[in-house]
Protein backbone atom coordinates (compact mmCIF):
# COMPACT_ATOMS: atom_id res chain seq x y z
CA MET A 1 0.00 0.00 0.00
CA SER A 2 1.42 3.40 -0.88
CA LEU A 3 1.63 5.86 1.95
CA ALA A 4 -0.65 8.56 0.62
CA GLY A 5 -2.41 6.95 -2.34
CA PRO A 6 -3.01 9.15 -5.38
CA ALA A 7 -1.70 12.62 -4.55
CA PRO A 8 -4.62 15.06 -4.12
CA ASP A 9 -2.46 17.79 -5.61
CA PRO A 10 0.99 17.92 -7.21
CA ILE A 11 2.66 19.46 -4.16
CA ALA A 12 1.69 16.61 -1.82
CA PRO A 13 4.71 14.74 -0.42
CA ARG A 14 4.81 11.20 -1.79
CA PHE A 15 7.40 9.49 0.41
CA ARG A 16 7.14 11.15 3.81
CA VAL A 17 4.68 9.99 6.45
CA ARG A 18 1.31 11.67 6.17
CA PRO A 19 -2.29 10.42 6.06
CA PRO A 20 -4.19 10.32 2.75
CA ALA A 21 -6.47 13.10 3.97
CA GLY A 22 -7.17 15.22 7.02
CA TRP A 23 -4.79 16.78 9.52
CA ILE A 24 -1.42 15.62 10.84
CA ASN A 25 0.78 17.25 13.45
CA ASP A 26 3.20 15.90 16.08
CA PRO A 27 4.97 12.60 15.40
CA ASN A 28 4.49 10.28 18.37
CA GLY A 29 5.94 7.05 19.67
CA PRO A 30 8.55 5.96 17.10
CA PHE A 31 9.00 2.33 18.06
CA HIS A 32 10.69 -0.80 16.69
CA TRP A 33 8.79 -4.04 17.22
CA ARG A 34 9.32 -7.51 15.74
CA GLY A 35 11.32 -6.24 12.80
CA ARG A 36 9.04 -3.33 11.88
CA HIS A 37 9.40 0.41 12.39
CA HIS A 38 6.23 1.95 13.86
CA LEU A 39 5.38 5.62 13.85
CA PHE A 40 2.28 7.32 15.26
CA TYR A 41 1.09 10.90 14.80
CA GLN A 42 -1.55 13.40 15.83
CA HIS A 43 -4.38 13.10 13.35
CA ASN A 44 -7.79 14.54 12.60
CA PRO A 45 -9.25 11.99 10.17
CA VAL A 46 -12.23 14.08 9.05
CA ALA A 47 -10.82 17.54 8.24
CA PRO A 48 -7.50 19.33 7.57
CA VAL A 49 -7.77 21.34 10.82
CA HIS A 50 -6.37 20.89 14.32
CA ALA A 51 -9.32 19.36 16.17
CA ASN A 52 -10.71 15.93 17.03
CA VAL A 53 -7.19 14.61 17.64
CA HIS A 54 -6.57 10.85 17.31
CA TRP A 55 -3.35 8.84 16.90
CA GLY A 56 -2.71 7.78 13.32
CA HIS A 57 -0.39 4.83 12.76
CA VAL A 58 1.98 3.57 10.06
CA SER A 59 4.70 0.94 10.00
CA SER A 60 7.56 0.03 7.70
CA PRO A 61 10.16 -2.70 7.21
CA ASP A 62 12.78 -0.23 5.98
CA LEU A 63 11.93 3.39 7.06
CA VAL A 64 10.89 4.33 3.51
CA SER A 65 8.01 2.03 2.52
CA TRP A 66 5.22 2.93 4.95
CA GLU A 67 1.95 1.05 5.37
CA HIS A 68 -1.17 2.66 6.81
CA HIS A 69 -2.90 0.98 9.73
CA PRO A 70 -6.21 1.63 11.47
CA ILE A 71 -6.26 4.57 13.85
CA ALA A 72 -4.48 3.51 17.04
CA LEU A 73 -6.01 5.85 19.64
CA THR A 74 -9.47 7.41 19.54
CA PRO A 75 -10.92 9.84 22.12
CA THR A 76 -13.17 8.03 24.62
CA PRO A 77 -16.54 9.73 25.24
CA GLY A 78 -16.64 10.70 28.89
CA GLY A 79 -13.04 9.57 29.39
CA PRO A 80 -9.87 11.49 30.30
CA ASP A 81 -9.04 11.84 26.58
CA GLU A 82 -12.55 12.75 25.39
CA ALA A 83 -11.31 15.97 23.74
CA GLY A 84 -8.16 14.49 22.24
CA CYS A 85 -5.36 11.94 22.39
CA TRP A 86 -2.36 14.24 22.38
CA SER A 87 1.37 13.65 22.23
CA GLY A 88 3.36 10.94 23.97
CA CYS A 89 5.54 7.92 23.31
CA VAL A 90 5.45 4.11 23.03
CA VAL A 91 7.51 1.79 25.24
CA ASP A 92 8.02 -1.93 25.75
CA ASP A 93 6.47 -2.64 29.15
CA ASP A 94 7.56 -6.17 30.03
CA GLY A 95 6.87 -7.43 26.53
CA VAL A 96 3.73 -5.38 25.89
CA PRO A 97 3.95 -2.31 23.62
CA THR A 98 2.33 0.52 25.59
CA ALA A 99 1.39 4.02 24.47
CA VAL A 100 1.94 6.71 27.09
CA TYR A 101 0.10 9.83 25.98
CA THR A 102 -1.60 13.06 26.94
CA GLY A 103 -5.34 12.89 27.41
CA VAL A 104 -7.32 16.10 27.38
CA ASP A 105 -10.95 16.65 28.30
CA HIS A 106 -13.21 19.53 27.30
CA THR A 107 -12.03 21.69 30.23
CA HIS A 108 -8.29 20.99 30.09
CA THR A 109 -7.12 24.65 29.70
CA GLY A 110 -3.62 23.42 28.90
CA LEU A 111 -3.40 20.79 31.63
CA GLY A 112 -3.52 17.23 30.37
CA SER A 113 -3.49 13.90 32.15
CA ILE A 114 -1.09 11.04 31.47
CA CYS A 115 -2.89 8.03 29.99
CA LEU A 116 -1.90 4.50 28.92
CA ALA A 117 -3.04 2.22 26.12
CA ARG A 118 -1.69 -1.27 25.55
CA ALA A 119 -1.33 -3.30 22.37
CA ALA A 120 -4.06 -5.92 22.32
CA ASP A 121 -1.82 -8.54 20.70
CA PRO A 122 1.94 -8.14 21.31
CA ALA A 123 2.57 -11.02 18.89
CA ASP A 124 1.19 -8.92 16.02
CA ASP A 125 4.12 -7.23 14.30
CA ARG A 126 1.75 -4.57 12.91
CA LEU A 127 0.17 -3.74 16.32
CA LEU A 128 -3.23 -3.13 14.77
CA GLU A 129 -5.33 -2.88 17.95
CA TRP A 130 -4.82 -0.79 21.10
CA ARG A 131 -6.79 -0.82 24.35
CA PRO A 132 -6.74 2.27 26.57
CA LEU A 133 -6.72 1.91 30.34
CA PRO A 134 -9.84 3.51 31.86
CA GLU A 135 -7.99 5.74 34.34
CA PRO A 136 -4.97 8.02 33.85
CA VAL A 137 -1.75 7.29 35.73
CA VAL A 138 -1.23 11.03 36.41
CA THR A 139 -4.36 13.16 36.69
CA ALA A 140 -2.79 16.60 37.19
CA PRO A 141 0.55 18.36 37.49
CA PRO A 142 2.37 18.39 40.84
CA ALA A 143 0.99 20.81 43.42
CA GLY A 144 2.82 23.92 44.50
CA LEU A 145 4.54 24.76 41.21
CA ASP A 146 1.81 26.90 39.58
CA VAL A 147 1.89 24.73 36.46
CA VAL A 148 -0.43 26.04 33.74
CA MET A 149 0.81 23.83 30.87
CA PHE A 150 1.32 20.08 31.36
CA ARG A 151 1.60 17.57 28.52
CA ASP A 152 3.69 15.32 26.24
CA PRO A 153 5.26 12.49 28.30
CA PHE A 154 8.51 10.93 27.09
CA LEU A 155 9.98 7.84 28.76
CA PHE A 156 13.60 6.70 28.92
CA ARG A 157 15.89 4.50 31.00
CA HIS A 158 18.84 5.76 33.04
CA SER A 159 20.79 4.36 35.98
CA GLY A 160 18.80 1.15 35.83
CA ARG A 161 15.40 2.80 36.19
CA ARG A 162 12.62 4.10 33.98
CA TRP A 163 11.90 7.83 34.03
CA ALA A 164 9.53 10.21 32.31
CA LEU A 165 9.79 13.79 31.14
CA VAL A 166 6.71 16.00 30.87
CA GLY A 167 6.62 19.39 29.16
CA ALA A 168 5.44 22.26 31.33
CA GLY A 169 4.94 25.98 31.71
CA HIS A 170 4.38 27.95 34.91
CA ALA A 171 2.12 30.87 35.76
CA ASP A 172 5.05 33.31 35.86
CA GLY A 173 5.98 32.48 32.24
CA THR A 174 8.83 30.08 33.03
CA PRO A 175 9.06 26.98 30.82
CA SER A 176 10.29 23.72 32.31
CA VAL A 177 10.71 19.97 31.93
CA LEU A 178 9.30 17.95 34.83
CA LEU A 179 10.74 14.58 35.89
CA TYR A 180 8.88 11.49 37.09
CA ASP A 181 10.04 8.10 38.33
CA CYS A 182 7.85 5.55 36.55
CA GLU A 183 9.67 2.25 36.96
CA GLU A 184 6.22 0.77 37.54
CA LEU A 185 4.27 2.16 34.62
CA THR A 186 1.01 2.42 36.52
CA ALA A 187 2.57 4.17 39.57
CA TRP A 188 4.33 7.48 38.89
CA ARG A 189 6.31 9.55 41.43
CA PHE A 190 7.13 13.21 40.84
CA ALA A 191 10.92 13.57 41.08
CA GLY A 192 11.41 17.30 40.56
CA VAL A 193 12.12 19.85 37.83
CA LEU A 194 14.79 18.51 35.51
CA LEU A 195 15.46 21.90 33.88
CA ASP A 196 13.70 25.22 33.48
CA GLY A 197 14.07 28.49 31.64
CA HIS A 198 16.18 30.02 34.42
CA ASP A 199 19.07 27.70 33.61
CA PRO A 200 21.88 30.02 32.43
CA VAL A 201 22.67 28.01 29.29
CA ALA A 202 19.01 27.82 28.29
CA ALA A 203 18.37 31.46 29.15
CA GLY A 204 21.41 32.57 27.17
CA ALA A 205 20.33 30.69 24.08
CA PHE A 206 16.54 31.00 24.14
CA GLY A 207 15.88 34.10 26.28
CA ASP A 208 12.17 34.58 26.92
CA LYS A 209 11.02 33.10 23.59
CA ALA A 210 8.79 30.53 25.30
CA VAL A 211 6.32 30.30 28.16
CA GLY A 212 6.29 26.50 27.94
CA TRP A 213 8.49 23.68 26.69
CA GLU A 214 6.49 21.10 24.74
CA CYS A 215 7.41 17.59 23.60
CA PRO A 216 10.61 17.13 25.65
CA GLN A 217 12.78 14.35 24.25
CA LEU A 218 16.04 12.92 25.60
CA LEU A 219 18.60 10.92 23.69
CA GLY A 220 21.97 9.46 24.47
CA THR A 221 24.95 9.95 22.21
CA SER A 222 28.04 8.07 21.12
CA GLY A 223 29.89 9.89 23.92
CA ASP A 224 28.91 10.38 27.55
CA GLU A 225 26.51 13.28 27.01
CA HIS A 226 22.77 13.52 26.45
CA VAL A 227 20.71 15.77 24.20
CA LEU A 228 17.54 17.36 25.59
CA VAL A 229 15.18 18.52 22.84
CA VAL A 230 12.33 20.94 23.55
CA SER A 231 9.73 22.66 21.41
CA LEU A 232 9.27 26.32 22.31
CA TRP A 233 5.67 27.31 22.99
CA ASP A 234 4.73 30.99 23.31
CA GLY A 235 0.98 30.52 23.11
CA ALA A 236 1.41 28.84 19.74
CA PRO A 237 4.17 26.65 18.25
CA CYS A 238 7.31 28.77 17.94
CA SER A 239 10.54 26.89 17.19
CA THR A 240 12.63 23.97 18.39
CA ALA A 241 15.81 23.88 20.44
CA TYR A 242 18.29 21.49 21.97
CA LEU A 243 20.67 21.40 24.90
CA THR A 244 23.62 19.07 25.32
CA GLY A 245 24.85 18.14 28.76
CA ARG A 246 25.26 15.52 31.45
CA LEU A 247 22.44 13.55 33.03
CA GLU A 248 23.34 12.35 36.52
CA LYS A 249 21.72 11.16 39.74
CA ASP A 250 21.00 13.80 42.35
CA GLY A 251 20.96 13.23 46.10
CA ASN A 252 17.19 13.04 46.40
CA GLY A 253 16.29 10.03 44.30
CA GLY A 254 16.02 12.01 41.09
CA LEU A 255 18.20 13.21 38.21
CA THR A 256 19.91 16.44 37.24
CA PHE A 257 20.70 17.74 33.78
CA THR A 258 23.74 20.01 33.58
CA ALA A 259 23.61 21.85 30.27
CA ARG A 260 26.80 22.64 28.33
CA THR A 261 25.55 24.05 25.02
CA ALA A 262 22.24 25.08 23.50
CA ASP A 263 21.05 26.16 20.06
CA ARG A 264 18.20 26.00 17.59
CA LEU A 265 17.43 22.48 16.47
CA ASP A 266 16.19 23.40 13.00
CA HIS A 267 16.75 26.79 11.35
CA GLY A 268 13.71 26.68 9.10
CA ARG A 269 10.24 28.05 9.72
CA ASP A 270 8.23 24.88 9.22
CA PHE A 271 9.50 22.33 11.75
CA TYR A 272 8.14 21.51 15.20
CA ALA A 273 7.50 18.85 17.87
CA PRO A 274 10.23 16.34 16.93
CA ALA A 275 10.11 12.83 18.35
CA VAL A 276 13.15 10.61 18.84
CA ARG A 277 13.80 6.89 18.98
CA GLN A 278 16.88 5.64 20.80
CA ASP A 279 18.37 2.55 19.20
CA ASP A 280 21.44 0.68 20.41
CA ASP A 281 23.65 2.24 17.76
CA ARG A 282 21.93 5.52 16.86
CA ALA A 283 19.15 7.98 17.61
CA LEU A 284 16.49 8.71 14.98
CA MET A 285 14.34 11.83 14.84
CA TRP A 286 11.19 12.84 12.96
CA GLY A 287 9.55 16.28 13.04
CA TRP A 288 6.26 17.81 11.97
CA SER A 289 6.16 20.29 9.09
CA TRP A 290 2.99 22.39 8.98
CA GLU A 291 1.45 24.19 6.04
CA ALA A 292 2.71 27.63 5.04
CA ARG A 293 0.04 28.29 2.39
CA GLU A 294 -3.30 29.98 2.69
CA THR A 295 -6.05 28.28 4.69
CA SER A 296 -8.34 28.31 1.67
CA GLU A 297 -5.78 26.26 -0.27
CA VAL A 298 -5.46 23.78 2.58
CA LEU A 299 -9.20 23.29 2.84
CA ALA A 300 -9.49 22.82 -0.90
CA ALA A 301 -6.71 20.22 -0.89
CA GLY A 302 -8.26 18.28 2.01
CA TRP A 303 -4.96 17.54 3.73
CA ALA A 304 -2.59 19.46 6.00
CA GLY A 305 0.89 18.71 7.26
CA THR A 306 3.54 16.07 6.83
CA LEU A 307 6.30 14.48 8.84
CA THR A 308 9.92 14.94 7.86
CA ALA A 309 12.36 12.32 6.72
CA PRO A 310 14.04 10.42 9.58
CA ARG A 311 17.26 12.05 10.77
CA VAL A 312 20.20 10.52 12.63
CA VAL A 313 21.31 12.72 15.53
CA ASP A 314 24.56 12.68 17.49
CA VAL A 315 26.84 15.18 19.27
CA ARG A 316 30.22 16.47 18.18
CA PRO A 317 33.04 17.01 20.69
CA ASP A 318 32.28 20.76 20.82
CA GLY A 319 28.70 20.05 21.90
CA SER A 320 27.07 20.90 18.57
CA LEU A 321 24.76 18.44 16.85
CA ARG A 322 25.63 16.12 14.02
CA VAL A 323 22.45 15.68 11.95
CA THR A 324 22.27 13.52 8.83
CA PRO A 325 19.50 11.91 6.79
CA ALA A 326 18.94 8.28 7.76
CA PRO A 327 20.96 6.16 5.31
CA GLU A 328 17.83 4.13 4.48
CA LEU A 329 16.61 7.15 2.49
CA GLU A 330 19.06 6.21 -0.24
CA LEU A 331 16.68 3.33 -1.04
CA LEU A 332 14.47 5.98 -2.65
CA ARG A 333 17.13 7.05 -5.14
CA ALA A 334 16.51 6.15 -8.76
CA PRO A 335 19.05 3.69 -10.21
CA ALA A 336 20.94 6.47 -12.01
CA PRO A 337 21.37 10.16 -11.13
CA PHE A 338 19.83 12.77 -13.40
CA ALA A 339 22.61 15.32 -12.67
CA THR A 340 26.30 14.71 -12.04
CA ALA A 341 27.89 18.11 -12.68
CA PRO A 342 27.13 21.84 -12.51
CA GLY A 343 24.77 23.05 -15.20
CA ARG A 344 21.05 23.27 -15.84
CA VAL A 345 18.61 20.35 -15.82
CA PRO A 346 14.85 19.92 -15.14
CA LEU A 347 13.85 18.87 -11.63
CA PRO A 348 11.33 16.16 -10.74
CA VAL A 349 8.75 16.66 -8.00
CA SER A 350 10.76 14.61 -5.48
CA TYR A 351 14.55 14.44 -5.49
CA ASP A 352 17.73 13.94 -3.46
CA LEU A 353 20.50 16.44 -4.26
CA THR A 354 24.06 16.73 -2.93
CA VAL A 355 26.33 19.69 -3.65
CA THR A 356 29.91 20.12 -2.42
CA ALA A 357 31.13 23.67 -3.02
CA HIS A 358 34.84 24.59 -3.24
CA GLY A 359 34.09 28.26 -3.74
CA ARG A 360 31.07 30.51 -3.78
CA THR A 361 28.26 28.55 -5.41
CA ALA A 362 24.62 29.30 -6.21
CA VAL A 363 22.11 26.47 -6.52
CA THR A 364 18.76 27.53 -7.99
CA LEU A 365 15.83 25.13 -7.62
CA LEU A 366 12.80 27.16 -8.73
CA ARG A 367 12.48 30.40 -10.66
CA ALA A 368 9.80 32.62 -12.13
CA ALA A 369 9.75 36.14 -13.49
CA ASP A 370 9.50 37.73 -10.04
CA ARG A 371 10.87 35.11 -7.64
CA ALA A 372 13.36 32.29 -7.17
CA LEU A 373 14.44 29.64 -4.71
CA THR A 374 18.22 29.54 -4.32
CA VAL A 375 20.75 27.99 -1.97
CA ARG A 376 23.99 29.99 -1.78
CA LEU A 377 27.12 28.36 -0.36
CA ASP A 378 30.30 30.17 0.73
CA PRO A 379 32.87 27.75 2.21
CA ALA A 380 35.36 30.48 3.14
CA ALA A 381 32.74 32.37 5.14
CA GLY A 382 31.12 29.18 6.46
CA THR A 383 27.61 30.23 5.39
CA VAL A 384 24.70 28.64 3.63
CA VAL A 385 21.75 30.86 2.72
CA LEU A 386 18.33 29.59 1.69
CA ASP A 387 16.90 32.52 -0.27
CA ARG A 388 13.24 32.34 -1.23
CA GLY A 389 13.74 35.36 -3.48
CA GLY A 390 10.25 36.82 -3.08
CA ARG A 391 8.46 33.47 -3.09
CA PRO A 392 5.23 33.88 -1.10
CA ARG A 393 4.52 32.14 2.19
CA ARG A 394 1.85 32.60 4.80
CA GLY A 395 2.87 34.19 8.10
CA ALA A 396 4.45 37.34 9.45
CA GLU A 397 8.01 36.09 8.90
CA GLY A 398 7.55 36.29 5.16
CA PRO A 399 10.07 35.01 2.64
CA ALA A 400 13.25 36.46 4.25
CA PRO A 401 16.45 34.46 3.64
CA VAL A 402 17.57 31.89 6.22
CA THR A 403 21.30 31.90 6.99
CA VAL A 404 23.13 28.99 8.62
CA ARG A 405 26.68 29.42 9.87
CA VAL A 406 29.18 26.58 10.15
CA PRO A 407 32.98 26.49 10.59
CA PRO A 408 34.66 27.89 7.47
CA GLY A 409 36.88 25.66 5.36
CA PRO A 410 37.99 24.80 1.83
CA ALA A 411 34.77 22.95 1.04
CA LEU A 412 31.17 23.00 2.20
CA GLY A 413 28.59 20.32 1.47
CA VAL A 414 24.80 20.34 1.57
CA ARG A 415 22.16 17.75 0.90
CA VAL A 416 18.70 18.78 -0.22
CA LEU A 417 15.73 16.43 0.11
CA VAL A 418 12.62 17.68 -1.67
CA ASP A 419 9.37 15.74 -1.62
CA GLY A 420 6.54 17.74 -3.14
CA SER A 421 6.24 20.90 -1.05
CA LEU A 422 8.58 19.69 1.73
CA LEU A 423 12.18 20.92 1.50
CA GLU A 424 14.80 19.65 3.96
CA LEU A 425 18.26 21.18 3.73
CA PHE A 426 21.13 19.49 5.58
CA VAL A 427 24.16 21.74 6.00
CA GLY A 428 27.55 20.10 6.48
CA GLU A 429 26.06 17.46 8.82
CA ARG A 430 25.73 20.29 11.36
CA ALA A 431 22.38 21.97 10.83
CA THR A 432 19.04 21.58 9.10
CA VAL A 433 16.55 23.94 7.49
CA THR A 434 12.99 22.71 6.98
CA GLU A 435 10.64 24.79 4.84
CA ARG A 436 7.45 24.33 2.85
CA VAL A 437 7.82 25.57 -0.72
CA TYR A 438 4.84 25.37 -3.08
CA ARG A 439 5.34 25.26 -6.82
CA ARG A 440 3.17 27.72 -8.70
CA PRO A 441 1.96 27.25 -12.28
CA ASP A 442 4.48 29.74 -13.65
CA ASP A 443 7.47 28.26 -11.78
CA VAL A 444 10.29 26.67 -13.74
CA ALA A 445 11.49 23.67 -11.72
CA GLU A 446 15.07 23.52 -12.92
CA LEU A 447 18.34 22.80 -11.17
CA GLU A 448 20.99 25.35 -12.03
CA VAL A 449 24.39 25.20 -10.29
CA VAL A 450 26.82 28.04 -10.84
CA GLY A 451 30.24 27.82 -9.20
CA ASP A 452 33.08 25.44 -8.40
CA ALA A 453 31.12 22.48 -7.09
CA GLU A 454 30.49 18.75 -7.31
CA VAL A 455 26.88 17.76 -7.90
CA SER A 456 24.88 14.55 -7.71
CA ALA A 457 21.09 14.40 -7.95
CA TRP A 458 18.63 11.51 -8.00
CA GLU A 459 14.91 11.41 -8.46
CA GLN A 460 13.13 9.83 -5.49
CA VAL A 461 11.13 6.82 -6.63
CA PRO A 462 9.40 3.90 -4.88
CA PRO A 463 12.09 1.50 -3.65
CA ARG A 464 12.75 -1.58 -5.70
CA ARG A 465 11.91 -4.94 -4.21
CA GLY A 466 14.79 -7.35 -3.89
């Protein structure tokens, strides 16, 4: 089964995770079970608007060929999730896949409860049926902290125990990540505030951009540090950020996170609420990319949003992130590249492009009489600029260029993954830029590379069966 079926319009992503119709937002619960990769997501199955939130569900044998499954979680009338099954994660609880998620009722006002749902048949590699527990395991945030935002549990193991993070915001405008001990999944103990916006590293990097930290995620690295990922909420989704640092036991039966560095996670304007999966040998991340076109266009299309390609995340010795596309994405490359050198060549709707610049280089992807889409690389300055060149987009930020800075050197490489309207730019394995770019009828979709550069480009096609 193809992921999205016949594309409802030519700008619909073909290979990224999204439902055939309706709304998608946060990725939830990336999980590996019996040889299959599972991914869940916030989903309104009846309209392309954020309401009536369920958990959609897909799985894959290879991270690129995704199969749709029946909706995993549905709001329960009169239950703790009657107004929506919001973000969370999936864990193996003594051999039973278990969803740990935010339930909201019709009076939640930002405060969710923590709910569980268990796979009905753990022997089923597709996990087609889920059964929610009737009562939440956490009904409200801890007392005495003036918490006004409480949602998005994420579970992990450390020091031989199972812990949970919950995103929070406080009445005085301070964002935080709360910590729970949940070794027994049905009995949670509040273990303190893991980190809040007063932390000097966080404050220095993020300032007062957020009144709450949503979707906290924690991943280990190939070294001895951890990465804490948060989504910045200022009354609406804002941007994403990360902190690297040490996770250690404190003296009170909890954990501390000592931050060393912090920065933006993605430099684009259309990326939010990433979810991570910690494997033995790597950490994978997916994010949500919302629509940046007019609401009338979204309603006419009947679908809204997509998830990004999976990304492998690690930490460099200086504390900065190493971010690369998952190598499985190369399964989508056509057998032969359509471009192997600088020049001008037509572009397909979905493609995988690599450019290594040895001097100033301009890479144009779309152009029209009054606008263009160009990536400019300058190795000596250590800059990559995504310039929309007057291309329209919804929102107050407009089409201003996005500049990413990396250490200067003799060469600078980028990889561009485009799938319909989703553009993901990977800069020197150090930074990403995620943007939605919609082809218009008068656009010329043509790759033009001007400069001293090496180029390889493949169309993305359904993977061949062995």
